[in-house]
All heavy atoms as atom14 arrays in JSON, in Angstrom:
{
  "sequence": "DVVVVPVPSRRSSIRKRGFDPVAKLLAATHSGDDTFRLQPVLRD",
  "atom14_mask": [
    [1, 1, 1, 1, 1, 1, 1, 1, 0, 0, 0, 0, 0, 0],
    [1, 1, 1, 1, 1, 1, 1, 0, 0, 0, 0, 0, 0, 0],
    [1, 1, 1, 1, 1, 1, 1, 0, 0, 0, 0, 0, 0, 0],
    [1, 1, 1, 1, 1, 1, 1, 0, 0, 0, 0, 0, 0, 0],
    [1, 1, 1, 1, 1, 1, 1, 0, 0, 0, 0, 0, 0, 0],
    [1, 1, 1, 1, 1, 1, 1, 0, 0, 0, 0, 0, 0, 0],
    [1, 1, 1, 1, 1, 1, 1, 0, 0, 0, 0, 0, 0, 0],
    [1, 1, 1, 1, 1, 1, 1, 0, 0, 0, 0, 0, 0, 0],
    [1, 1, 1, 1, 1, 1, 0, 0, 0, 0, 0, 0, 0, 0],
    [1, 1, 1, 1, 1, 1, 1, 1, 1, 1, 1, 0, 0, 0],
    [1, 1, 1, 1, 1, 1, 1, 1, 1, 1, 1, 0, 0, 0],
    [1, 1, 1, 1, 1, 1, 0, 0, 0, 0, 0, 0, 0, 0],
    [1, 1, 1, 1, 1, 1, 0, 0, 0, 0, 0, 0, 0, 0],
    [1, 1, 1, 1, 1, 1, 1, 1, 0, 0, 0, 0, 0, 0],
    [1, 1, 1, 1, 1, 1, 1, 1, 1, 1, 1, 0, 0, 0],
    [1, 1, 1, 1, 1, 1, 1, 1, 1, 0, 0, 0, 0, 0],
    [1, 1, 1, 1, 1, 1, 1, 1, 1, 1, 1, 0, 0, 0],
    [1, 1, 1, 1, 0, 0, 0, 0, 0, 0, 0, 0, 0, 0],
    [1, 1, 1, 1, 1, 1, 1, 1, 1, 1, 1, 0, 0, 0],
    [1, 1, 1, 1, 1, 1, 1, 1, 0, 0, 0, 0, 0, 0],
    [1, 1, 1, 1, 1, 1, 1, 0, 0, 0, 0, 0, 0, 0],
    [1, 1, 1, 1, 1, 1, 1, 0, 0, 0, 0, 0, 0, 0],
    [1, 1, 1, 1, 1, 0, 0, 0, 0, 0, 0, 0, 0, 0],
    [1, 1, 1, 1, 1, 1, 1, 1, 1, 0, 0, 0, 0, 0],
    [1, 1, 1, 1, 1, 1, 1, 1, 0, 0, 0, 0, 0, 0],
    [1, 1, 1, 1, 1, 1, 1, 1, 0, 0, 0, 0, 0, 0],
    [1, 1, 1, 1, 1, 0, 0, 0, 0, 0, 0, 0, 0, 0],
    [1, 1, 1, 1, 1, 0, 0, 0, 0, 0, 0, 0, 0, 0],
    [1, 1, 1, 1, 1, 1, 1, 0, 0, 0, 0, 0, 0, 0],
    [1, 1, 1, 1, 1, 1, 1, 1, 1, 1, 0, 0, 0, 0],
    [1, 1, 1, 1, 1, 1, 0, 0, 0, 0, 0, 0, 0, 0],
    [1, 1, 1, 1, 0, 0, 0, 0, 0, 0, 0, 0, 0, 0],
    [1, 1, 1, 1, 1, 1, 1, 1, 0, 0, 0, 0, 0, 0],
    [1, 1, 1, 1, 1, 1, 1, 1, 0, 0, 0, 0, 0, 0],
    [1, 1, 1, 1, 1, 1, 1, 0, 0, 0, 0, 0, 0, 0],
    [1, 1, 1, 1, 1, 1, 1, 1, 1, 1, 1, 0, 0, 0],
    [1, 1, 1, 1, 1, 1, 1, 1, 1, 1, 1, 0, 0, 0],
    [1, 1, 1, 1, 1, 1, 1, 1, 0, 0, 0, 0, 0, 0],
    [1, 1, 1, 1, 1, 1, 1, 1, 1, 0, 0, 0, 0, 0],
    [1, 1, 1, 1, 1, 1, 1, 0, 0, 0, 0, 0, 0, 0],
    [1, 1, 1, 1, 1, 1, 1, 0, 0, 0, 0, 0, 0, 0],
    [1, 1, 1, 1, 1, 1, 1, 1, 0, 0, 0, 0, 0, 0],
    [1, 1, 1, 1, 1, 1, 1, 1, 1, 1, 1, 0, 0, 0],
    [1, 1, 1, 1, 1, 1, 1, 1, 0, 0, 0, 0, 0, 0]
  ],
  "atom14_positions": [
    [[0.83, -1.19, 0.0], [-0.01, -0.07, -0.02], [0.87, 1.23, 0.06], [0.19, 2.4, -0.21], [-0.87, 0.09, 1.18], [-1.92, -1.1, 1.31], [-2.31, -1.6, 0.16], [-2.39, -1.44, 2.34], [0.0, 0.0, 0.0], [0.0, 0.0, 0.0], [0.0, 0.0, 0.0], [0.0, 0.0, 0.0], [0.0, 0.0, 0.0], [0.0, 0.0, 0.0]],
    [[2.19, 1.19, 0.38], [2.98, 2.36, 0.48], [4.15, 2.41, -0.47], [4.43, 1.36, -1.09], [3.48, 2.47, 1.92], [2.3, 2.42, 2.91], [4.45, 1.31, 2.26], [0.0, 0.0, 0.0], [0.0, 0.0, 0.0], [0.0, 0.0, 0.0], [0.0, 0.0, 0.0], [0.0, 0.0, 0.0], [0.0, 0.0, 0.0], [0.0, 0.0, 0.0]],
    [[4.74, 3.54, -0.5], [6.11, 3.65, -1.14], [7.12, 4.05, -0.01], [6.82, 4.88, 0.88], [6.09, 4.59, -2.29], [5.35, 4.03, -3.44], [5.66, 5.96, -2.01], [0.0, 0.0, 0.0], [0.0, 0.0, 0.0], [0.0, 0.0, 0.0], [0.0, 0.0, 0.0], [0.0, 0.0, 0.0], [0.0, 0.0, 0.0], [0.0, 0.0, 0.0]],
    [[8.32, 3.68, -0.23], [9.39, 4.11, 0.81], [10.34, 5.17, 0.05], [10.85, 4.94, -1.05], [10.13, 2.85, 1.19], [11.45, 3.32, 2.08], [9.37, 1.9, 1.9], [0.0, 0.0, 0.0], [0.0, 0.0, 0.0], [0.0, 0.0, 0.0], [0.0, 0.0, 0.0], [0.0, 0.0, 0.0], [0.0, 0.0, 0.0], [0.0, 0.0, 0.0]],
    [[10.39, 6.33, 0.79], [11.21, 7.4, 0.21], [12.46, 7.63, 0.99], [12.4, 7.95, 2.17], [10.36, 8.72, 0.28], [11.12, 9.9, -0.23], [9.09, 8.52, -0.61], [0.0, 0.0, 0.0], [0.0, 0.0, 0.0], [0.0, 0.0, 0.0], [0.0, 0.0, 0.0], [0.0, 0.0, 0.0], [0.0, 0.0, 0.0], [0.0, 0.0, 0.0]],
    [[13.59, 7.47, 0.36], [14.84, 7.67, 1.1], [15.16, 9.2, 1.32], [14.83, 10.02, 0.35], [15.89, 7.16, 0.24], [15.37, 7.12, -1.12], [13.94, 6.93, -0.91], [0.0, 0.0, 0.0], [0.0, 0.0, 0.0], [0.0, 0.0, 0.0], [0.0, 0.0, 0.0], [0.0, 0.0, 0.0], [0.0, 0.0, 0.0], [0.0, 0.0, 0.0]],
    [[15.65, 9.6, 2.5], [16.18, 10.96, 2.58], [17.48, 11.09, 1.86], [18.37, 10.36, 2.25], [16.22, 11.33, 4.13], [16.91, 12.7, 4.31], [14.89, 11.35, 4.77], [0.0, 0.0, 0.0], [0.0, 0.0, 0.0], [0.0, 0.0, 0.0], [0.0, 0.0, 0.0], [0.0, 0.0, 0.0], [0.0, 0.0, 0.0], [0.0, 0.0, 0.0]],
    [[17.59, 11.88, 0.87], [18.89, 12.01, 0.19], [20.06, 12.55, 0.97], [19.73, 13.53, 1.82], [18.5, 12.68, -1.09], [17.4, 13.63, -0.6], [16.69, 12.83, 0.46], [0.0, 0.0, 0.0], [0.0, 0.0, 0.0], [0.0, 0.0, 0.0], [0.0, 0.0, 0.0], [0.0, 0.0, 0.0], [0.0, 0.0, 0.0], [0.0, 0.0, 0.0]],
    [[21.23, 12.11, 0.54], [22.41, 12.78, 1.22], [22.65, 14.17, 0.58], [22.09, 14.34, -0.57], [23.66, 11.83, 1.18], [23.49, 10.69, 1.95], [0.0, 0.0, 0.0], [0.0, 0.0, 0.0], [0.0, 0.0, 0.0], [0.0, 0.0, 0.0], [0.0, 0.0, 0.0], [0.0, 0.0, 0.0], [0.0, 0.0, 0.0], [0.0, 0.0, 0.0]],
    [[23.5, 14.92, 1.22], [23.98, 16.19, 0.53], [24.76, 15.7, -0.69], [25.49, 14.79, -0.81], [24.97, 16.94, 1.4], [24.3, 17.53, 2.72], [25.27, 18.15, 3.63], [24.71, 18.58, 4.85], [24.31, 19.89, 5.02], [24.32, 20.71, 4.09], [23.82, 20.15, 6.2], [0.0, 0.0, 0.0], [0.0, 0.0, 0.0], [0.0, 0.0, 0.0]],
    [[24.72, 16.55, -1.77], [25.4, 16.27, -2.89], [26.86, 16.26, -2.77], [27.51, 15.42, -3.4], [25.04, 17.37, -3.99], [23.66, 17.18, -4.58], [23.25, 18.27, -5.51], [22.95, 19.56, -4.71], [22.59, 20.68, -5.36], [22.51, 20.75, -6.64], [22.59, 21.78, -4.54], [0.0, 0.0, 0.0], [0.0, 0.0, 0.0], [0.0, 0.0, 0.0]],
    [[27.33, 17.04, -1.79], [28.86, 17.09, -1.59], [29.24, 15.7, -0.85], [30.34, 15.23, -1.16], [29.18, 18.22, -0.74], [28.48, 18.2, 0.52], [0.0, 0.0, 0.0], [0.0, 0.0, 0.0], [0.0, 0.0, 0.0], [0.0, 0.0, 0.0], [0.0, 0.0, 0.0], [0.0, 0.0, 0.0], [0.0, 0.0, 0.0], [0.0, 0.0, 0.0]],
    [[28.38, 15.23, -0.07], [28.65, 13.97, 0.65], [28.64, 12.73, -0.47], [29.49, 11.92, -0.33], [27.68, 13.62, 1.75], [27.74, 14.65, 2.74], [0.0, 0.0, 0.0], [0.0, 0.0, 0.0], [0.0, 0.0, 0.0], [0.0, 0.0, 0.0], [0.0, 0.0, 0.0], [0.0, 0.0, 0.0], [0.0, 0.0, 0.0], [0.0, 0.0, 0.0]],
    [[27.75, 12.84, -1.29], [27.66, 11.75, -2.34], [28.93, 11.82, -3.16], [29.55, 10.75, -3.51], [26.47, 11.93, -3.23], [25.1, 11.75, -2.24], [26.41, 10.94, -4.39], [23.86, 12.01, -3.09], [0.0, 0.0, 0.0], [0.0, 0.0, 0.0], [0.0, 0.0, 0.0], [0.0, 0.0, 0.0], [0.0, 0.0, 0.0], [0.0, 0.0, 0.0]],
    [[29.36, 12.96, -3.51], [30.51, 13.2, -4.41], [31.8, 12.54, -3.69], [32.62, 11.89, -4.14], [30.84, 14.59, -4.72], [29.82, 15.11, -5.84], [30.48, 16.36, -6.46], [30.44, 17.48, -5.35], [29.38, 18.3, -5.17], [28.32, 18.24, -5.88], [29.59, 19.35, -4.25], [0.0, 0.0, 0.0], [0.0, 0.0, 0.0], [0.0, 0.0, 0.0]],
    [[31.81, 12.85, -2.38], [32.98, 12.42, -1.44], [32.94, 10.93, -1.35], [33.92, 10.28, -1.4], [32.96, 13.17, -0.24], [34.13, 12.74, 0.72], [33.99, 13.6, 2.03], [35.13, 13.23, 3.04], [35.01, 13.84, 4.31], [0.0, 0.0, 0.0], [0.0, 0.0, 0.0], [0.0, 0.0, 0.0], [0.0, 0.0, 0.0], [0.0, 0.0, 0.0]],
    [[31.77, 10.38, -1.04], [31.77, 8.95, -0.82], [31.64, 8.16, -2.05], [32.06, 6.95, -2.06], [30.5, 8.7, 0.15], [30.55, 9.18, 1.47], [29.23, 8.85, 2.25], [29.34, 9.28, 3.6], [28.32, 9.95, 4.16], [27.3, 10.28, 3.6], [28.6, 10.27, 5.44], [0.0, 0.0, 0.0], [0.0, 0.0, 0.0], [0.0, 0.0, 0.0]],
    [[31.04, 8.7, -3.08], [30.8, 7.94, -4.27], [29.43, 7.21, -4.34], [29.23, 6.45, -5.25], [0.0, 0.0, 0.0], [0.0, 0.0, 0.0], [0.0, 0.0, 0.0], [0.0, 0.0, 0.0], [0.0, 0.0, 0.0], [0.0, 0.0, 0.0], [0.0, 0.0, 0.0], [0.0, 0.0, 0.0], [0.0, 0.0, 0.0], [0.0, 0.0, 0.0]],
    [[28.65, 7.31, -3.31], [27.34, 6.78, -3.16], [26.46, 7.41, -2.19], [27.03, 8.17, -1.35], [27.41, 5.25, -2.94], [27.89, 4.97, -1.51], [26.91, 4.31, -0.66], [29.12, 5.26, -1.0], [27.31, 4.04, 0.69], [29.52, 5.02, 0.32], [28.56, 4.31, 1.1], [0.0, 0.0, 0.0], [0.0, 0.0, 0.0], [0.0, 0.0, 0.0]],
    [[25.2, 7.15, -2.26], [24.3, 7.69, -1.29], [23.89, 6.52, -0.31], [23.22, 5.64, -0.77], [22.96, 8.17, -2.01], [21.98, 8.92, -0.96], [21.83, 8.34, 0.14], [21.29, 9.82, -1.42], [0.0, 0.0, 0.0], [0.0, 0.0, 0.0], [0.0, 0.0, 0.0], [0.0, 0.0, 0.0], [0.0, 0.0, 0.0], [0.0, 0.0, 0.0]],
    [[24.32, 6.55, 0.88], [24.18, 5.46, 1.86], [22.73, 5.0, 2.02], [22.48, 3.76, 2.03], [24.72, 6.0, 3.16], [25.72, 6.96, 2.76], [25.01, 7.67, 1.55], [0.0, 0.0, 0.0], [0.0, 0.0, 0.0], [0.0, 0.0, 0.0], [0.0, 0.0, 0.0], [0.0, 0.0, 0.0], [0.0, 0.0, 0.0], [0.0, 0.0, 0.0]],
    [[21.88, 5.84, 2.29], [20.35, 5.44, 2.45], [19.81, 4.74, 1.24], [19.23, 3.63, 1.22], [19.54, 6.64, 3.0], [18.08, 6.13, 3.17], [20.09, 7.25, 4.25], [0.0, 0.0, 0.0], [0.0, 0.0, 0.0], [0.0, 0.0, 0.0], [0.0, 0.0, 0.0], [0.0, 0.0, 0.0], [0.0, 0.0, 0.0], [0.0, 0.0, 0.0]],
    [[20.0, 5.44, 0.12], [19.4, 4.88, -1.14], [20.1, 3.61, -1.42], [19.41, 2.64, -1.92], [19.62, 5.9, -2.19], [0.0, 0.0, 0.0], [0.0, 0.0, 0.0], [0.0, 0.0, 0.0], [0.0, 0.0, 0.0], [0.0, 0.0, 0.0], [0.0, 0.0, 0.0], [0.0, 0.0, 0.0], [0.0, 0.0, 0.0], [0.0, 0.0, 0.0]],
    [[21.34, 3.4, -1.22], [22.11, 2.19, -1.63], [21.51, 1.01, -0.66], [21.27, -0.03, -1.07], [23.57, 2.3, -1.39], [24.33, 1.13, -1.82], [25.8, 1.45, -1.61], [26.66, 0.23, -1.94], [26.65, -0.03, -3.47], [0.0, 0.0, 0.0], [0.0, 0.0, 0.0], [0.0, 0.0, 0.0], [0.0, 0.0, 0.0], [0.0, 0.0, 0.0]],
    [[21.48, 1.37, 0.61], [20.85, 0.39, 1.63], [19.48, -0.16, 1.27], [19.22, -1.28, 1.21], [21.0, 0.84, 3.05], [20.59, -0.03, 4.18], [21.51, -1.36, 4.09], [20.7, 0.62, 5.48], [0.0, 0.0, 0.0], [0.0, 0.0, 0.0], [0.0, 0.0, 0.0], [0.0, 0.0, 0.0], [0.0, 0.0, 0.0], [0.0, 0.0, 0.0]],
    [[18.56, 0.82, 0.98], [17.28, 0.54, 0.59], [17.2, -0.32, -0.64], [16.35, -1.11, -0.8], [16.43, 1.78, 0.52], [15.85, 2.4, 1.8], [15.31, 3.77, 1.64], [14.87, 1.46, 2.55], [0.0, 0.0, 0.0], [0.0, 0.0, 0.0], [0.0, 0.0, 0.0], [0.0, 0.0, 0.0], [0.0, 0.0, 0.0], [0.0, 0.0, 0.0]],
    [[17.97, 0.12, -1.71], [17.93, -0.6, -2.96], [18.31, -2.01, -2.75], [17.75, -2.93, -3.41], [18.83, 0.13, -3.92], [0.0, 0.0, 0.0], [0.0, 0.0, 0.0], [0.0, 0.0, 0.0], [0.0, 0.0, 0.0], [0.0, 0.0, 0.0], [0.0, 0.0, 0.0], [0.0, 0.0, 0.0], [0.0, 0.0, 0.0], [0.0, 0.0, 0.0]],
    [[19.38, -2.23, -1.98], [19.79, -3.68, -1.69], [18.78, -4.32, -0.84], [18.59, -5.62, -1.11], [21.08, -3.58, -0.92], [0.0, 0.0, 0.0], [0.0, 0.0, 0.0], [0.0, 0.0, 0.0], [0.0, 0.0, 0.0], [0.0, 0.0, 0.0], [0.0, 0.0, 0.0], [0.0, 0.0, 0.0], [0.0, 0.0, 0.0], [0.0, 0.0, 0.0]],
    [[18.22, -3.8, 0.13], [17.16, -4.43, 0.84], [15.98, -4.8, 0.03], [15.36, -5.87, 0.05], [16.59, -3.42, 2.02], [17.86, -3.18, 2.86], [15.7, -4.19, 2.89], [0.0, 0.0, 0.0], [0.0, 0.0, 0.0], [0.0, 0.0, 0.0], [0.0, 0.0, 0.0], [0.0, 0.0, 0.0], [0.0, 0.0, 0.0], [0.0, 0.0, 0.0]],
    [[15.55, -3.74, -0.77], [14.44, -3.9, -1.65], [14.6, -5.04, -2.72], [13.65, -5.68, -3.13], [14.1, -2.57, -2.38], [12.9, -2.67, -3.32], [11.69, -2.85, -2.87], [12.88, -2.44, -4.69], [10.93, -2.83, -4.02], [11.49, -2.55, -5.05], [0.0, 0.0, 0.0], [0.0, 0.0, 0.0], [0.0, 0.0, 0.0], [0.0, 0.0, 0.0]],
    [[15.81, -5.22, -3.09], [16.16, -6.13, -4.29], [15.83, -7.56, -3.76], [15.45, -8.36, -4.64], [17.67, -6.11, -4.66], [18.46, -6.53, -3.66], [0.0, 0.0, 0.0], [0.0, 0.0, 0.0], [0.0, 0.0, 0.0], [0.0, 0.0, 0.0], [0.0, 0.0, 0.0], [0.0, 0.0, 0.0], [0.0, 0.0, 0.0], [0.0, 0.0, 0.0]],
    [[15.81, -7.78, -2.42], [15.47, -9.17, -1.88], [14.1, -9.18, -1.25], [13.78, -10.2, -0.75], [0.0, 0.0, 0.0], [0.0, 0.0, 0.0], [0.0, 0.0, 0.0], [0.0, 0.0, 0.0], [0.0, 0.0, 0.0], [0.0, 0.0, 0.0], [0.0, 0.0, 0.0], [0.0, 0.0, 0.0], [0.0, 0.0, 0.0], [0.0, 0.0, 0.0]],
    [[13.45, -8.15, -1.42], [12.03, -8.02, -0.77], [11.13, -7.17, -1.58], [11.27, -5.99, -1.69], [12.18, -7.36, 0.59], [10.97, -7.34, 1.43], [9.82, -7.73, 0.87], [11.04, -6.95, 2.55], [0.0, 0.0, 0.0], [0.0, 0.0, 0.0], [0.0, 0.0, 0.0], [0.0, 0.0, 0.0], [0.0, 0.0, 0.0], [0.0, 0.0, 0.0]],
    [[10.24, -7.89, -2.32], [9.28, -7.1, -3.18], [7.97, -6.61, -2.55], [7.08, -6.35, -3.23], [9.01, -7.95, -4.43], [8.23, -9.26, -4.04], [8.08, -9.46, -2.82], [7.84, -10.04, -4.93], [0.0, 0.0, 0.0], [0.0, 0.0, 0.0], [0.0, 0.0, 0.0], [0.0, 0.0, 0.0], [0.0, 0.0, 0.0], [0.0, 0.0, 0.0]],
    [[8.09, -6.43, -1.21], [6.81, -6.12, -0.53], [6.56, -4.59, -0.41], [5.52, -4.27, -0.01], [6.79, -6.67, 0.91], [7.9, -6.28, 1.6], [6.8, -8.22, 0.83], [0.0, 0.0, 0.0], [0.0, 0.0, 0.0], [0.0, 0.0, 0.0], [0.0, 0.0, 0.0], [0.0, 0.0, 0.0], [0.0, 0.0, 0.0], [0.0, 0.0, 0.0]],
    [[7.65, -3.84, -0.79], [7.38, -2.36, -0.81], [7.98, -1.69, -2.06], [8.98, -2.3, -2.62], [7.88, -1.66, 0.43], [9.39, -1.8, 0.67], [10.18, -0.86, -0.01], [9.81, -2.76, 1.49], [11.6, -0.89, 0.18], [11.23, -2.84, 1.64], [12.09, -1.88, 0.93], [0.0, 0.0, 0.0], [0.0, 0.0, 0.0], [0.0, 0.0, 0.0]],
    [[7.57, -0.64, -2.34], [8.08, 0.1, -3.53], [9.02, 1.14, -3.11], [8.73, 2.02, -2.25], [6.96, 0.75, -4.47], [6.08, -0.18, -5.15], [4.92, 0.43, -5.79], [5.35, 1.36, -6.66], [4.71, 2.41, -7.25], [3.46, 2.61, -6.81], [5.11, 3.28, -8.04], [0.0, 0.0, 0.0], [0.0, 0.0, 0.0], [0.0, 0.0, 0.0]],
    [[10.2, 1.24, -3.68], [11.23, 2.19, -3.4], [11.03, 3.42, -4.39], [11.02, 3.2, -5.73], [12.65, 1.74, -3.46], [13.73, 2.63, -3.25], [13.67, 3.3, -1.88], [15.13, 1.84, -3.47], [0.0, 0.0, 0.0], [0.0, 0.0, 0.0], [0.0, 0.0, 0.0], [0.0, 0.0, 0.0], [0.0, 0.0, 0.0], [0.0, 0.0, 0.0]],
    [[10.96, 4.74, -3.92], [10.72, 5.75, -4.77], [11.62, 6.95, -4.3], [11.27, 7.59, -3.4], [9.35, 6.17, -4.77], [8.92, 7.27, -5.84], [8.81, 6.61, -7.3], [7.98, 5.64, -7.45], [9.62, 7.12, -8.08], [0.0, 0.0, 0.0], [0.0, 0.0, 0.0], [0.0, 0.0, 0.0], [0.0, 0.0, 0.0], [0.0, 0.0, 0.0]],
    [[12.72, 7.3, -5.02], [13.53, 8.48, -4.64], [13.0, 9.78, -5.07], [13.35, 10.32, -5.98], [14.87, 8.16, -5.37], [14.42, 7.41, -6.61], [13.22, 6.6, -6.22], [0.0, 0.0, 0.0], [0.0, 0.0, 0.0], [0.0, 0.0, 0.0], [0.0, 0.0, 0.0], [0.0, 0.0, 0.0], [0.0, 0.0, 0.0], [0.0, 0.0, 0.0]],
    [[12.0, 10.24, -4.35], [11.16, 11.4, -4.67], [11.97, 12.72, -4.34], [11.9, 13.65, -5.12], [9.89, 11.41, -3.88], [9.12, 12.76, -4.09], [9.01, 10.33, -4.4], [0.0, 0.0, 0.0], [0.0, 0.0, 0.0], [0.0, 0.0, 0.0], [0.0, 0.0, 0.0], [0.0, 0.0, 0.0], [0.0, 0.0, 0.0], [0.0, 0.0, 0.0]],
    [[12.71, 12.76, -3.38], [13.32, 14.02, -2.75], [14.72, 14.19, -3.38], [15.5, 13.34, -3.67], [13.43, 13.94, -1.28], [12.15, 13.89, -0.44], [12.39, 13.64, 1.04], [11.4, 15.22, -0.63], [0.0, 0.0, 0.0], [0.0, 0.0, 0.0], [0.0, 0.0, 0.0], [0.0, 0.0, 0.0], [0.0, 0.0, 0.0], [0.0, 0.0, 0.0]],
    [[15.08, 15.53, -3.49], [16.43, 15.96, -3.91], [16.94, 16.97, -2.83], [16.25, 17.86, -2.41], [16.3, 16.7, -5.22], [17.61, 17.28, -5.69], [17.4, 17.76, -7.21], [16.43, 18.78, -7.34], [15.84, 19.12, -8.43], [16.29, 18.58, -9.59], [14.88, 20.0, -8.44], [0.0, 0.0, 0.0], [0.0, 0.0, 0.0], [0.0, 0.0, 0.0]],
    [[18.03, 16.69, -2.56], [18.84, 17.7, -1.52], [19.29, 18.85, -2.19], [20.06, 18.81, -3.13], [19.93, 16.87, -0.87], [20.4, 17.59, 0.37], [21.02, 18.74, 0.18], [20.51, 17.1, 1.45], [0.0, 0.0, 0.0], [0.0, 0.0, 0.0], [0.0, 0.0, 0.0], [0.0, 0.0, 0.0], [0.0, 0.0, 0.0], [0.0, 0.0, 0.0]]
  ]
}
């Protein structure tokens, strides 16, 4: 019934790390669990 929206990291943090931790973790979790929809709606 719901979608899961990750809070995005700052763009400077993503450039430094090379990835967005919350989005990456949710994507990996979602890939093994089709019970919710992941939707990256927000932009920092």
